[in-house]
């Protein structure tokens, strides 16, 4: 990948939010959940995440995750995803990008 400047990095808005609700997403092509994430001052946003192979619904509630909040909404089948929930390829599925201590919802990563 080409190098980017710090100003390029600042254009990507990465914020922390807490997962409030998790629903099944049977229409998704790959195993996924529909999430509602509290992003503080930005409000509660929806996201589709292909994390079903790694996480149960119960263990996701209350988990703080890192989201890209300035992508345009993306239509995924019948669902409108408003933010991108970030993660890493863990081999058996996506491992969420999370914080190891509680952070105020909506705070920006820098």
Protein backbone atom coordinates (compact mmCIF):
# COMPACT_ATOMS: atom_id res chain seq x y z
CA UNK A 1 0.00 0.00 0.00
CA UNK A 2 1.06 3.54 -0.63
CA UNK A 3 2.07 5.74 2.30
CA UNK A 4 -0.46 8.28 3.48
CA UNK A 5 -0.05 11.49 5.42
CA UNK A 6 -1.36 12.11 8.94
CA UNK A 7 -3.95 14.42 7.36
CA UNK A 8 -5.16 11.49 5.22
CA UNK A 9 -5.56 9.42 8.40
CA UNK A 10 -7.53 12.23 10.06
CA UNK A 11 -10.08 12.07 7.24
CA UNK A 12 -11.18 8.64 8.51
CA UNK A 13 -13.40 9.11 11.54
CA UNK A 14 -12.89 6.14 13.88
CA UNK A 15 -15.06 6.30 17.00
CA UNK A 16 -15.86 4.01 19.90
CA UNK A 17 -19.38 2.82 20.59
CA UNK A 18 -21.20 0.32 22.77
CA UNK A 19 -23.27 -2.47 21.24
CA UNK A 20 -26.84 -2.15 22.55
CA UNK A 21 -28.73 -4.70 20.44
CA UNK A 22 -27.85 -7.72 18.31
CA UNK A 23 -30.27 -9.32 15.84
CA UNK A 24 -29.99 -12.23 13.45
CA UNK A 25 -29.43 -11.29 9.78
CA UNK A 26 -30.61 -14.37 7.85
CA UNK A 27 -30.65 -12.51 4.51
CA UNK A 28 -26.87 -11.87 4.63
CA UNK A 29 -24.70 -13.87 2.20
CA UNK A 30 -22.18 -14.67 4.98
CA UNK A 31 -23.09 -15.29 8.64
CA UNK A 32 -23.75 -11.84 10.11
CA UNK A 33 -25.59 -9.90 12.78
CA UNK A 34 -27.42 -6.59 12.67
CA UNK A 35 -26.05 -4.35 15.43
CA UNK A 36 -27.30 -1.18 17.11
CA UNK A 37 -24.34 0.77 18.47
CA UNK A 38 -24.46 3.79 20.81
CA UNK A 39 -21.96 6.31 19.46
CA UNK A 40 -22.59 9.03 22.03
CA UNK A 41 -23.14 12.44 20.46
CA UNK A 42 -23.60 10.79 17.03
CA UNK A 43 -26.57 8.79 18.33
CA UNK A 44 -27.41 5.12 17.91
CA UNK A 45 -26.29 3.76 14.54
CA UNK A 46 -26.88 0.45 12.77
CA UNK A 47 -24.20 -1.83 11.37
CA UNK A 48 -24.03 -5.22 9.71
CA UNK A 49 -21.10 -7.31 10.93
CA UNK A 50 -19.90 -10.71 9.71
CA UNK A 51 -18.97 -11.87 13.19
CA UNK A 52 -21.46 -14.65 13.81
CA UNK A 53 -18.82 -17.40 13.50
CA UNK A 54 -16.86 -15.89 16.40
CA UNK A 55 -19.34 -14.18 18.76
CA UNK A 56 -22.67 -15.09 20.32
CA UNK A 57 -25.35 -12.42 20.56
CA UNK A 58 -25.12 -12.44 24.35
CA UNK A 59 -21.40 -11.74 24.54
CA UNK A 60 -21.71 -8.75 22.19
CA UNK A 61 -24.16 -6.77 24.32
CA UNK A 62 -22.24 -4.04 26.15
CA UNK A 63 -19.02 -4.60 24.17
CA UNK A 64 -17.27 -1.42 23.05
CA UNK A 65 -16.11 -1.49 19.43
CA UNK A 66 -14.38 0.83 16.97
CA UNK A 67 -16.46 2.07 14.02
CA UNK A 68 -15.81 4.14 10.91
CA UNK A 69 -18.51 6.78 11.16
CA UNK A 70 -17.95 8.91 8.06
CA UNK A 71 -18.54 6.37 5.29
CA UNK A 72 -21.82 6.83 3.45
CA UNK A 73 -24.56 4.38 4.52
CA UNK A 74 -24.44 1.07 2.65
CA UNK A 75 -27.46 -0.98 1.65
CA UNK A 76 -26.86 -4.66 2.46
CA UNK A 77 -29.90 -6.53 1.20
CA UNK A 78 -32.89 -5.21 3.15
CA UNK A 79 -30.65 -3.57 5.79
CA UNK A 80 -29.08 -0.08 5.75
CA UNK A 81 -25.71 -0.16 7.50
CA UNK A 82 -24.83 3.32 8.80
CA UNK A 83 -21.33 2.67 10.18
CA UNK A 84 -18.56 0.15 9.52
CA UNK A 85 -17.70 -1.94 12.58
CA UNK A 86 -13.98 -2.68 12.30
CA UNK A 87 -12.16 -5.94 12.87
CA UNK A 88 -9.37 -8.27 11.84
CA UNK A 89 -9.37 -11.58 9.97
CA UNK A 90 -8.96 -14.09 12.75
CA UNK A 91 -8.90 -17.15 10.50
CA UNK A 92 -12.27 -18.53 11.62
CA UNK A 93 -13.98 -15.14 11.32
CA UNK A 94 -13.73 -11.44 12.06
CA UNK A 95 -12.29 -10.42 15.44
CA UNK A 96 -13.73 -7.05 16.46
CA UNK A 97 -11.54 -4.02 17.10
CA UNK A 98 -12.30 -3.22 20.72
CA UNK A 99 -10.93 -1.17 23.61
CA UNK A 100 -9.49 -2.78 26.73
CA UNK A 101 -10.87 -0.14 29.12
CA UNK A 102 -14.17 1.72 29.05
CA UNK A 103 -14.16 4.86 26.91
CA UNK A 104 -16.93 7.44 26.57
CA UNK A 105 -19.11 6.53 23.58
CA UNK A 106 -18.38 8.66 20.53
CA UNK A 107 -14.75 9.40 21.40
CA UNK A 108 -12.49 9.53 18.37
CA UNK A 109 -9.45 7.32 17.81
CA UNK A 110 -6.27 9.26 17.12
